[in-house]
Amino acid sequence: MKNAFVLVDHLGDDGTVTVGMILKELSVKRFDHLEKRGLIREATSEEVKTGYKPPFTAEKTAPTPSNKKAPEPANKGA
């Protein structure tokens, strides 16, 4: 069994993998196949220990309106 570091985004056996992900405990046969295609390389023990940290993307928030109160209904007395 080998641990792999993903070099290229691709569709794997268990879904999509992105650059920087760590694939743990791949069979030697599967590892060799993916390595020959240039998709992965063997992960260092430090990379396995650290694990995958996805890049941070801040969520965009809508600007808060200056008038938070809803307008009074015109037919309130009806």
PDB file of N, CA and C in Angstrom:
ATOM      1  N   MET A   1       0.844  -1.181   0.000  1.00  0.00           N
ATOM      2  CA  MET A   1       0.000   0.000   0.000  1.00  0.00           C
ATOM      3  C   MET A   1       0.886   1.240   0.000  1.00  0.00           C
ATOM      4  N   LYS A   2       0.479   2.224  -0.789  1.00  0.00           N
ATOM      5  CA  LYS A   2       1.246   3.459  -0.891  1.00  0.00           C
ATOM      6  C   LYS A   2       0.327   4.659  -0.709  1.00  0.00           C
ATOM      7  N   ASN A   3       0.922   5.767  -0.296  1.00  0.00           N
ATOM      8  CA  ASN A   3       0.210   7.032  -0.190  1.00  0.00           C
ATOM      9  C   ASN A   3       0.631   7.904  -1.364  1.00  0.00           C
ATOM     10  N   ALA A   4      -0.322   8.616  -1.950  1.00  0.00           N
ATOM     11  CA  ALA A   4      -0.043   9.394  -3.151  1.00  0.00           C
ATOM     12  C   ALA A   4      -0.415  10.852  -2.969  1.00  0.00           C
ATOM     13  N   PHE A   5       0.338  11.715  -3.640  1.00  0.00           N
ATOM     14  CA  PHE A   5       0.074  13.155  -3.689  1.00  0.00           C
ATOM     15  C   PHE A   5      -0.442  13.440  -5.092  1.00  0.00           C
ATOM     16  N   VAL A   6      -1.605  14.061  -5.215  1.00  0.00           N
ATOM     17  CA  VAL A   6      -2.228  14.320  -6.518  1.00  0.00           C
ATOM     18  C   VAL A   6      -1.554  15.515  -7.182  1.00  0.00           C
ATOM     19  N   LEU A   7      -1.111  15.310  -8.437  1.00  0.00           N
ATOM     20  CA  LEU A   7      -0.438  16.361  -9.207  1.00  0.00           C
ATOM     21  C   LEU A   7      -1.368  17.061 -10.195  1.00  0.00           C
ATOM     22  N   VAL A   8      -2.434  16.351 -10.632  1.00  0.00           N
ATOM     23  CA  VAL A   8      -3.346  16.878 -11.647  1.00  0.00           C
ATOM     24  C   VAL A   8      -4.779  16.575 -11.217  1.00  0.00           C
ATOM     25  N   ASP A   9      -5.672  17.554 -11.374  1.00  0.00           N
ATOM     26  CA  ASP A   9      -7.091  17.306 -11.107  1.00  0.00           C
ATOM     27  C   ASP A   9      -7.569  16.203 -12.043  1.00  0.00           C
ATOM     28  N   HIS A  10      -8.300  15.223 -11.497  1.00  0.00           N
ATOM     29  CA  HIS A  10      -8.844  14.161 -12.349  1.00  0.00           C
ATOM     30  C   HIS A  10      -9.983  13.438 -11.632  1.00  0.00           C
ATOM     31  N   LEU A  11     -10.706  12.663 -12.403  1.00  0.00           N
ATOM     32  CA  LEU A  11     -11.799  11.859 -11.867  1.00  0.00           C
ATOM     33  C   LEU A  11     -11.215  10.523 -11.439  1.00  0.00           C
ATOM     34  N   GLY A  12     -11.289  10.247 -10.156  1.00  0.00           N
ATOM     35  CA  GLY A  12     -10.720   9.017  -9.623  1.00  0.00           C
ATOM     36  C   GLY A  12     -11.774   7.945  -9.413  1.00  0.00           C
ATOM     37  N   ASP A  13     -11.362   6.851  -8.793  1.00  0.00           N
ATOM     38  CA  ASP A  13     -12.282   5.735  -8.524  1.00  0.00           C
ATOM     39  C   ASP A  13     -13.389   6.140  -7.560  1.00  0.00           C
ATOM     40  N   ASP A  14     -13.063   7.013  -6.609  1.00  0.00           N
ATOM     41  CA  ASP A  14     -14.029   7.416  -5.587  1.00  0.00           C
ATOM     42  C   ASP A  14     -14.509   8.844  -5.767  1.00  0.00           C
ATOM     43  N   GLY A  15     -14.418   9.374  -6.983  1.00  0.00           N
ATOM     44  CA  GLY A  15     -14.873  10.732  -7.233  1.00  0.00           C
ATOM     45  C   GLY A  15     -13.746  11.617  -7.728  1.00  0.00           C
ATOM     46  N   THR A  16     -13.999  12.908  -7.752  1.00  0.00           N
ATOM     47  CA  THR A  16     -13.038  13.877  -8.257  1.00  0.00           C
ATOM     48  C   THR A  16     -11.983  14.182  -7.204  1.00  0.00           C
ATOM     49  N   VAL A  17     -10.727  14.258  -7.654  1.00  0.00           N
ATOM     50  CA  VAL A  17      -9.637  14.635  -6.774  1.00  0.00           C
ATOM     51  C   VAL A  17      -8.973  15.880  -7.353  1.00  0.00           C
ATOM     52  N   THR A  18      -8.451  16.719  -6.478  1.00  0.00           N
ATOM     53  CA  THR A  18      -7.822  17.959  -6.906  1.00  0.00           C
ATOM     54  C   THR A  18      -6.355  17.974  -6.507  1.00  0.00           C
ATOM     55  N   VAL A  19      -5.623  18.882  -7.123  1.00  0.00           N
ATOM     56  CA  VAL A  19      -4.187  19.010  -6.865  1.00  0.00           C
ATOM     57  C   VAL A  19      -3.952  19.231  -5.374  1.00  0.00           C
ATOM     58  N   GLY A  20      -3.006  18.493  -4.830  1.00  0.00           N
ATOM     59  CA  GLY A  20      -2.653  18.645  -3.421  1.00  0.00           C
ATOM     60  C   GLY A  20      -3.316  17.652  -2.493  1.00  0.00           C
ATOM     61  N   MET A  21      -4.318  16.932  -2.976  1.00  0.00           N
ATOM     62  CA  MET A  21      -4.983  15.948  -2.115  1.00  0.00           C
ATOM     63  C   MET A  21      -4.043  14.777  -1.862  1.00  0.00           C
ATOM     64  N   ILE A  22      -4.234  14.119  -0.743  1.00  0.00           N
ATOM     65  CA  ILE A  22      -3.460  12.938  -0.380  1.00  0.00           C
ATOM     66  C   ILE A  22      -4.385  11.722  -0.484  1.00  0.00           C
ATOM     67  N   LEU A  23      -3.982  10.768  -1.310  1.00  0.00           N
ATOM     68  CA  LEU A  23      -4.726   9.510  -1.427  1.00  0.00           C
ATOM     69  C   LEU A  23      -3.985   8.479  -0.590  1.00  0.00           C
ATOM     70  N   LYS A  24      -4.647   7.970   0.424  1.00  0.00           N
ATOM     71  CA  LYS A  24      -3.992   7.056   1.360  1.00  0.00           C
ATOM     72  C   LYS A  24      -4.266   5.608   0.987  1.00  0.00           C
ATOM     73  N   GLU A  25      -3.241   4.791   1.187  1.00  0.00           N
ATOM     74  CA  GLU A  25      -3.311   3.342   1.056  1.00  0.00           C
ATOM     75  C   GLU A  25      -3.829   2.871  -0.299  1.00  0.00           C
ATOM     76  N   LEU A  26      -3.212   3.368  -1.375  1.00  0.00           N
ATOM     77  CA  LEU A  26      -3.506   2.863  -2.711  1.00  0.00           C
ATOM     78  C   LEU A  26      -2.770   1.548  -2.904  1.00  0.00           C
ATOM     79  N   SER A  27      -3.368   0.644  -3.655  1.00  0.00           N
ATOM     80  CA  SER A  27      -2.648  -0.588  -3.963  1.00  0.00           C
ATOM     81  C   SER A  27      -1.464  -0.250  -4.856  1.00  0.00           C
ATOM     82  N   VAL A  28      -0.439  -1.057  -4.819  1.00  0.00           N
ATOM     83  CA  VAL A  28       0.767  -0.805  -5.602  1.00  0.00           C
ATOM     84  C   VAL A  28       0.435  -0.792  -7.091  1.00  0.00           C
ATOM     85  N   LYS A  29      -0.435  -1.693  -7.527  1.00  0.00           N
ATOM     86  CA  LYS A  29      -0.827  -1.763  -8.938  1.00  0.00           C
ATOM     87  C   LYS A  29      -1.522  -0.472  -9.372  1.00  0.00           C
ATOM     88  N   ARG A  30      -2.472  -0.007  -8.572  1.00  0.00           N
ATOM     89  CA  ARG A  30      -3.202   1.223  -8.894  1.00  0.00           C
ATOM     90  C   ARG A  30      -2.266   2.428  -8.838  1.00  0.00           C
ATOM     91  N   PHE A  31      -1.393   2.476  -7.845  1.00  0.00           N
ATOM     92  CA  PHE A  31      -0.431   3.565  -7.717  1.00  0.00           C
ATOM     93  C   PHE A  31       0.453   3.637  -8.954  1.00  0.00           C
ATOM     94  N   ASP A  32       0.994   2.490  -9.378  1.00  0.00           N
ATOM     95  CA  ASP A  32       1.868   2.461 -10.551  1.00  0.00           C
ATOM     96  C   ASP A  32       1.135   2.938 -11.805  1.00  0.00           C
ATOM     97  N   HIS A  33      -0.121   2.531 -11.958  1.00  0.00           N
ATOM     98  CA  HIS A  33      -0.920   2.947 -13.122  1.00  0.00           C
ATOM     99  C   HIS A  33      -1.104   4.470 -13.153  1.00  0.00           C
ATOM    100  N   LEU A  34      -1.463   5.060 -12.029  1.00  0.00           N
ATOM    101  CA  LEU A  34      -1.686   6.508 -11.970  1.00  0.00           C
ATOM    102  C   LEU A  34      -0.380   7.285 -12.082  1.00  0.00           C
ATOM    103  N   GLU A  35       0.692   6.737 -11.534  1.00  0.00           N
ATOM    104  CA  GLU A  35       1.994   7.402 -11.608  1.00  0.00           C
ATOM    105  C   GLU A  35       2.508   7.432 -13.041  1.00  0.00           C
ATOM    106  N   LYS A  36       2.315   6.349 -13.792  1.00  0.00           N
ATOM    107  CA  LYS A  36       2.727   6.297 -15.199  1.00  0.00           C
ATOM    108  C   LYS A  36       1.988   7.340 -16.029  1.00  0.00           C
ATOM    109  N   ARG A  37       0.754   7.616 -15.664  1.00  0.00           N
ATOM    110  CA  ARG A  37      -0.041   8.620 -16.391  1.00  0.00           C
ATOM    111  C   ARG A  37       0.290  10.046 -15.954  1.00  0.00           C
ATOM    112  N   GLY A  38       1.118  10.193 -14.921  1.00  0.00           N
ATOM    113  CA  GLY A  38       1.536  11.512 -14.461  1.00  0.00           C
ATOM    114  C   GLY A  38       0.523  12.227 -13.588  1.00  0.00           C
ATOM    115  N   LEU A  39      -0.398  11.480 -13.004  1.00  0.00           N
ATOM    116  CA  LEU A  39      -1.451  12.086 -12.190  1.00  0.00           C
ATOM    117  C   LEU A  39      -1.063  12.219 -10.720  1.00  0.00           C
ATOM    118  N   ILE A  40      -0.175  11.351 -10.250  1.00  0.00           N
ATOM    119  CA  ILE A  40       0.209  11.350  -8.841  1.00  0.00           C
ATOM    120  C   ILE A  40       1.707  11.109  -8.708  1.00  0.00           C
ATOM    121  N   ARG A  41       2.196  11.304  -7.498  1.00  0.00           N
ATOM    122  CA  ARG A  41       3.543  10.901  -7.105  1.00  0.00           C
ATOM    123  C   ARG A  41       3.447  10.375  -5.683  1.00  0.00           C
ATOM    124  N   GLU A  42       4.496   9.736  -5.217  1.00  0.00           N
ATOM    125  CA  GLU A  42       4.461   9.213  -3.854  1.00  0.00           C
ATOM    126  C   GLU A  42       4.504  10.374  -2.865  1.00  0.00           C
ATOM    127  N   ALA A  43       3.652  10.333  -1.881  1.00  0.00           N
ATOM    128  CA  ALA A  43       3.572  11.388  -0.872  1.00  0.00           C
ATOM    129  C   ALA A  43       4.647  11.167   0.186  1.00  0.00           C
ATOM    130  N   THR A  44       5.206  12.262   0.654  1.00  0.00           N
ATOM    131  CA  THR A  44       6.185  12.174   1.734  1.00  0.00           C
ATOM    132  C   THR A  44       5.440  11.948   3.051  1.00  0.00           C
ATOM    133  N   SER A  45       6.177  11.487   4.050  1.00  0.00           N
ATOM    134  CA  SER A  45       5.536  11.246   5.349  1.00  0.00           C
ATOM    135  C   SER A  45       5.014  12.548   5.946  1.00  0.00           C
ATOM    136  N   GLU A  46       5.705  13.666   5.682  1.00  0.00           N
ATOM    137  CA  GLU A  46       5.244  14.975   6.171  1.00  0.00           C
ATOM    138  C   GLU A  46       3.925  15.373   5.503  1.00  0.00           C
ATOM    139  N   GLU A  47       3.788  15.122   4.204  1.00  0.00           N
ATOM    140  CA  GLU A  47       2.540  15.444   3.485  1.00  0.00           C
ATOM    141  C   GLU A  47       1.386  14.604   4.008  1.00  0.00           C
ATOM    142  N   VAL A  48       1.644  13.337   4.282  1.00  0.00           N
ATOM    143  CA  VAL A  48       0.593  12.462   4.809  1.00  0.00           C
ATOM    144  C   VAL A  48       0.177  12.932   6.201  1.00  0.00           C
ATOM    145  N   LYS A  49       1.168  13.308   7.000  1.00  0.00           N
ATOM    146  CA  LYS A  49       0.893  13.778   8.366  1.00  0.00           C
ATOM    147  C   LYS A  49       0.066  15.069   8.337  1.00  0.00           C
ATOM    148  N   THR A  50       0.430  16.004   7.468  1.00  0.00           N
ATOM    149  CA  THR A  50      -0.266  17.287   7.367  1.00  0.00           C
ATOM    150  C   THR A  50      -1.648  17.129   6.757  1.00  0.00           C
ATOM    151  N   GLY A  51      -1.760  16.282   5.741  1.00  0.00           N
ATOM    152  CA  GLY A  51      -3.038  16.064   5.080  1.00  0.00           C
ATOM    153  C   GLY A  51      -3.348  17.156   4.079  1.00  0.00           C
ATOM    154  N   TYR A  52      -4.529  17.092   3.506  1.00  0.00           N
ATOM    155  CA  TYR A  52      -4.962  18.037   2.480  1.00  0.00           C
ATOM    156  C   TYR A  52      -5.658  19.223   3.125  1.00  0.00           C
ATOM    157  N   LYS A  53      -5.236  20.409   2.741  1.00  0.00           N
ATOM    158  CA  LYS A  53      -5.886  21.633   3.206  1.00  0.00           C
ATOM    159  C   LYS A  53      -6.368  22.389   1.978  1.00  0.00           C
ATOM    160  N   PRO A  54      -7.696  22.389   1.732  1.00  0.00           N
ATOM    161  CA  PRO A  54      -8.202  23.072   0.552  1.00  0.00           C
ATOM    162  C   PRO A  54      -7.936  24.572   0.624  1.00  0.00           C
ATOM    163  N   PRO A  55      -7.764  25.214  -0.535  1.00  0.00           N
ATOM    164  CA  PRO A  55      -7.535  26.655  -0.519  1.00  0.00           C
ATOM    165  C   PRO A  55      -8.749  27.386   0.040  1.00  0.00           C
ATOM    166  N   PHE A  56      -8.494  28.435   0.799  1.00  0.00           N
ATOM    167  CA  PHE A  56      -9.572  29.198   1.429  1.00  0.00           C
ATOM    168  C   PHE A  56     -10.196  30.136   0.412  1.00  0.00           C
ATOM    169  N   THR A  57     -11.507  30.089   0.303  1.00  0.00           N
ATOM    170  CA  THR A  57     -12.228  31.037  -0.533  1.00  0.00           C
ATOM    171  C   THR A  57     -13.302  31.677   0.328  1.00  0.00           C
ATOM    172  N   ALA A  58     -13.203  32.974   0.503  1.00  0.00           N
ATOM    173  CA  ALA A  58     -14.170  33.688   1.334  1.00  0.00           C
ATOM    174  C   ALA A  58     -15.509  33.751   0.610  1.00  0.00           C
ATOM    175  N   GLU A  59     -16.568  33.530   1.366  1.00  0.00           N
ATOM    176  CA  GLU A  59     -17.896  33.624   0.780  1.00  0.00           C
ATOM    177  C   GLU A  59     -18.265  35.086   0.590  1.00  0.00           C
ATOM    178  N   LYS A  60     -18.870  35.350  -0.535  1.00  0.00           N
ATOM    179  CA  LYS A  60     -19.317  36.714  -0.794  1.00  0.00           C
ATOM    180  C   LYS A  60     -20.644  36.928  -0.086  1.00  0.00           C
ATOM    181  N   THR A  61     -20.761  38.039   0.580  1.00  0.00           N
ATOM    182  CA  THR A  61     -22.010  38.349   1.277  1.00  0.00           C
ATOM    183  C   THR A  61     -22.654  39.564   0.633  1.00  0.00           C
ATOM    184  N   ALA A  62     -23.953  39.570   0.627  1.00  0.00           N
ATOM    185  CA  ALA A  62     -24.694  40.693   0.069  1.00  0.00           C
ATOM    186  C   ALA A  62     -24.567  41.883   1.008  1.00  0.00           C
ATOM    187  N   PRO A  63     -24.517  43.086   0.461  1.00  0.00           N
ATOM    188  CA  PRO A  63     -24.427  44.262   1.327  1.00  0.00           C
ATOM    189  C   PRO A  63     -25.704  44.401   2.160  1.00  0.00           C
ATOM    190  N   THR A  64     -25.560  44.810   3.400  1.00  0.00           N
ATOM    191  CA  THR A  64     -26.725  44.974   4.261  1.00  0.00           C
ATOM    192  C   THR A  64     -27.432  46.280   3.899  1.00  0.00           C
ATOM    193  N   PRO A  65     -28.740  46.245   3.755  1.00  0.00           N
ATOM    194  CA  PRO A  65     -29.472  47.454   3.402  1.00  0.00           C
ATOM    195  C   PRO A  65     -29.471  48.465   4.548  1.00  0.00           C
ATOM    196  N   SER A  66     -29.509  49.742   4.182  1.00  0.00           N
ATOM    197  CA  SER A  66     -29.514  50.772   5.213  1.00  0.00           C
ATOM    198  C   SER A  66     -30.864  50.832   5.928  1.00  0.00           C
ATOM    199  N   ASN A  67     -31.946  50.440   5.243  1.00  0.00           N
ATOM    200  CA  ASN A  67     -33.283  50.438   5.823  1.00  0.00           C
ATOM    201  C   ASN A  67     -33.709  48.994   6.020  1.00  0.00           C
ATOM    202  N   LYS A  68     -33.596  48.495   7.241  1.00  0.00           N
ATOM    203  CA  LYS A  68     -33.921  47.097   7.501  1.00  0.00           C
ATOM    204  C   LYS A  68     -35.400  46.886   7.779  1.00  0.00           C
ATOM    205  N   LYS A  69     -36.128  47.954   8.080  1.00  0.00           N
ATOM    206  CA  LYS A  69     -37.540  47.816   8.401  1.00  0.00           C
ATOM    207  C   LYS A  69     -38.353  47.732   7.113  1.00  0.00           C
ATOM    208  N   ALA A  70     -39.314  46.829   7.104  1.00  0.00           N
ATOM    209  CA  ALA A  70     -40.188  46.688   5.937  1.00  0.00           C
ATOM    210  C   ALA A  70     -41.125  47.888   5.865  1.00  0.00           C
ATOM    211  N   PRO A  71     -41.517  48.295   4.659  1.00  0.00           N
ATOM    212  CA  PRO A  71     -42.431  49.429   4.534  1.00  0.00           C
ATOM    213  C   PRO A  71     -43.806  49.095   5.125  1.00  0.00           C
ATOM    214  N   GLU A  72     -44.468  50.137   5.647  1.00  0.00           N
ATOM    215  CA  GLU A  72     -45.819  49.957   6.189  1.00  0.00           C
ATOM    216  C   GLU A  72     -46.790  49.670   5.043  1.00  0.00           C
ATOM    217  N   PRO A  73     -47.683  48.677   5.209  1.00  0.00           N
ATOM    218  CA  PRO A  73     -48.637  48.388   4.153  1.00  0.00           C
ATOM    219  C   PRO A  73     -49.644  49.538   3.994  1.00  0.00           C
ATOM    220  N   ALA A  74     -49.987  49.812   2.727  1.00  0.00           N
ATOM    221  CA  ALA A  74     -50.910  50.910   2.422  1.00  0.00           C
ATOM    222  C   ALA A  74     -52.333  50.580   2.866  1.00  0.00           C
ATOM    223  N   ASN A  75     -52.725  49.339   2.889  1.00  0.00           N
ATOM    224  CA  ASN A  75     -54.113  48.963   3.229  1.00  0.00           C
ATOM    225  C   ASN A  75     -54.223  48.372   4.630  1.00  0.00           C
ATOM    226  N   LYS A  76     -53.471  48.892   5.562  1.00  0.00           N
ATOM    227  CA  LYS A  76     -53.463  48.359   6.921  1.00  0.00           C
ATOM    228  C   LYS A  76     -54.840  48.469   7.588  1.00  0.00           C
ATOM    229  N   GLY A  77     -55.587  49.495   7.304  1.00  0.00           N
ATOM    230  CA  GLY A  77     -56.891  49.686   7.947  1.00  0.00           C
ATOM    231  C   GLY A  77     -58.022  48.942   7.268  1.00  0.00           C
ATOM    232  N   ALA A  78     -57.802  48.308   6.168  1.00  0.00           N
ATOM    233  CA  ALA A  78     -58.875  47.662   5.420  1.00  0.00           C
ATOM    234  C   ALA A  78     -59.393  46.417   6.041  1.00  0.00           C
TER     235      ALA A  78
END
